[in-house]
Amino acid sequence: MEKHERTITVSDSAQYLAKDGEYAPQIRITGKWLKQAGFKKRSKVRIEVQRNKLVLVPIKQKTPPNKR
């Protein structure tokens, strides 16, 4: 993985209208670098919310036992 930092833009969500009548902020993240960072398609992600910071952590899936 080459870069350790990315810059993206927070936009309004056109699909989610908050109770106060305003659109909620939306962040969309895409790129092959996600796979390199350990995020696989269709996997679960835990988002830790901190003041002025979001931490995304891939949740490791349990491997199903082998069927005999």
C-alpha atoms as a PDB file:
ATOM      1  CA  MET A   1       0.000   0.000   0.000  1.00  0.00           C
ATOM      2  CA  GLU A   2       1.593   3.235  -1.113  1.00  0.00           C
ATOM      3  CA  LYS A   3      -0.310   6.045   0.595  1.00  0.00           C
ATOM      4  CA  HIS A   4      -1.151   6.109   4.283  1.00  0.00           C
ATOM      5  CA  GLU A   5      -3.526   9.056   4.030  1.00  0.00           C
ATOM      6  CA  ARG A   6      -6.457   9.864   1.750  1.00  0.00           C
ATOM      7  CA  THR A   7      -8.593  12.976   1.329  1.00  0.00           C
ATOM      8  CA  ILE A   8     -12.289  12.650   0.552  1.00  0.00           C
ATOM      9  CA  THR A   9     -15.282  15.002   0.628  1.00  0.00           C
ATOM     10  CA  VAL A  10     -18.248  14.790   2.992  1.00  0.00           C
ATOM     11  CA  SER A  11     -21.454  15.339   1.028  1.00  0.00           C
ATOM     12  CA  ASP A  12     -25.196  15.436   1.682  1.00  0.00           C
ATOM     13  CA  SER A  13     -27.021  12.140   1.489  1.00  0.00           C
ATOM     14  CA  ALA A  14     -29.763  12.381  -1.110  1.00  0.00           C
ATOM     15  CA  GLN A  15     -31.410   9.270   0.334  1.00  0.00           C
ATOM     16  CA  TYR A  16     -31.524  10.186   4.021  1.00  0.00           C
ATOM     17  CA  LEU A  17     -33.534  13.161   5.221  1.00  0.00           C
ATOM     18  CA  ALA A  18     -33.156  13.854   8.953  1.00  0.00           C
ATOM     19  CA  LYS A  19     -36.129  14.657  11.189  1.00  0.00           C
ATOM     20  CA  ASP A  20     -35.223  18.348  11.109  1.00  0.00           C
ATOM     21  CA  GLY A  21     -35.668  18.400   7.326  1.00  0.00           C
ATOM     22  CA  GLU A  22     -31.978  18.549   6.461  1.00  0.00           C
ATOM     23  CA  TYR A  23     -29.983  15.917   4.658  1.00  0.00           C
ATOM     24  CA  ALA A  24     -27.512  13.952   6.724  1.00  0.00           C
ATOM     25  CA  PRO A  25     -23.786  14.021   5.930  1.00  0.00           C
ATOM     26  CA  GLN A  26     -22.456  11.111   3.887  1.00  0.00           C
ATOM     27  CA  ILE A  27     -18.989   9.662   3.373  1.00  0.00           C
ATOM     28  CA  ARG A  28     -18.366   7.191   0.559  1.00  0.00           C
ATOM     29  CA  ILE A  29     -15.075   5.337   0.400  1.00  0.00           C
ATOM     30  CA  THR A  30     -13.977   3.333  -2.641  1.00  0.00           C
ATOM     31  CA  GLY A  31     -10.701   2.086  -4.029  1.00  0.00           C
ATOM     32  CA  LYS A  32      -8.469  -0.932  -4.434  1.00  0.00           C
ATOM     33  CA  TRP A  33      -6.415   0.364  -1.506  1.00  0.00           C
ATOM     34  CA  LEU A  34      -9.242  -0.757   0.824  1.00  0.00           C
ATOM     35  CA  LYS A  35      -8.495  -4.385  -0.027  1.00  0.00           C
ATOM     36  CA  GLN A  36      -4.810  -3.791   0.577  1.00  0.00           C
ATOM     37  CA  ALA A  37      -5.712  -2.357   3.993  1.00  0.00           C
ATOM     38  CA  GLY A  38      -7.627  -5.525   4.935  1.00  0.00           C
ATOM     39  CA  PHE A  39     -11.196  -4.635   3.928  1.00  0.00           C
ATOM     40  CA  LYS A  40     -12.774  -7.367   1.790  1.00  0.00           C
ATOM     41  CA  LYS A  41     -15.998  -7.009  -0.179  1.00  0.00           C
ATOM     42  CA  ARG A  42     -19.143  -8.026   1.717  1.00  0.00           C
ATOM     43  CA  SER A  43     -17.245  -8.005   5.018  1.00  0.00           C
ATOM     44  CA  LYS A  44     -18.405  -6.235   8.170  1.00  0.00           C
ATOM     45  CA  VAL A  45     -16.717  -3.078   9.468  1.00  0.00           C
ATOM     46  CA  ARG A  46     -16.765  -1.649  12.987  1.00  0.00           C
ATOM     47  CA  ILE A  47     -16.763   2.153  13.117  1.00  0.00           C
ATOM     48  CA  GLU A  48     -15.361   3.705  16.273  1.00  0.00           C
ATOM     49  CA  VAL A  49     -16.684   7.250  16.668  1.00  0.00           C
ATOM     50  CA  GLN A  50     -14.381   9.689  18.440  1.00  0.00           C
ATOM     51  CA  ARG A  51     -14.324  13.464  18.582  1.00  0.00           C
ATOM     52  CA  ASN A  52     -13.361  14.665  15.079  1.00  0.00           C
ATOM     53  CA  LYS A  53     -12.287  11.155  14.119  1.00  0.00           C
ATOM     54  CA  LEU A  54     -13.738   7.925  12.706  1.00  0.00           C
ATOM     55  CA  VAL A  55     -11.745   4.708  12.982  1.00  0.00           C
ATOM     56  CA  LEU A  56     -12.743   1.894  10.609  1.00  0.00           C
ATOM     57  CA  VAL A  57     -11.803  -1.611  11.703  1.00  0.00           C
ATOM     58  CA  PRO A  58     -12.482  -4.711   9.576  1.00  0.00           C
ATOM     59  CA  ILE A  59     -14.277  -7.433  11.530  1.00  0.00           C
ATOM     60  CA  LYS A  60     -12.662 -10.786  10.911  1.00  0.00           C
ATOM     61  CA  GLN A  61     -15.221 -13.396   9.908  1.00  0.00           C
ATOM     62  CA  LYS A  62     -15.143 -16.731  11.656  1.00  0.00           C
ATOM     63  CA  THR A  63     -14.172 -19.512   9.296  1.00  0.00           C
ATOM     64  CA  PRO A  64     -16.961 -22.126   9.144  1.00  0.00           C
ATOM     65  CA  PRO A  65     -15.892 -25.613  10.235  1.00  0.00           C
ATOM     66  CA  ASN A  66     -15.141 -28.110   7.447  1.00  0.00           C
ATOM     67  CA  LYS A  67     -18.065 -30.362   6.567  1.00  0.00           C
ATOM     68  CA  ARG A  68     -17.301 -34.075   6.562  1.00  0.00           C
END
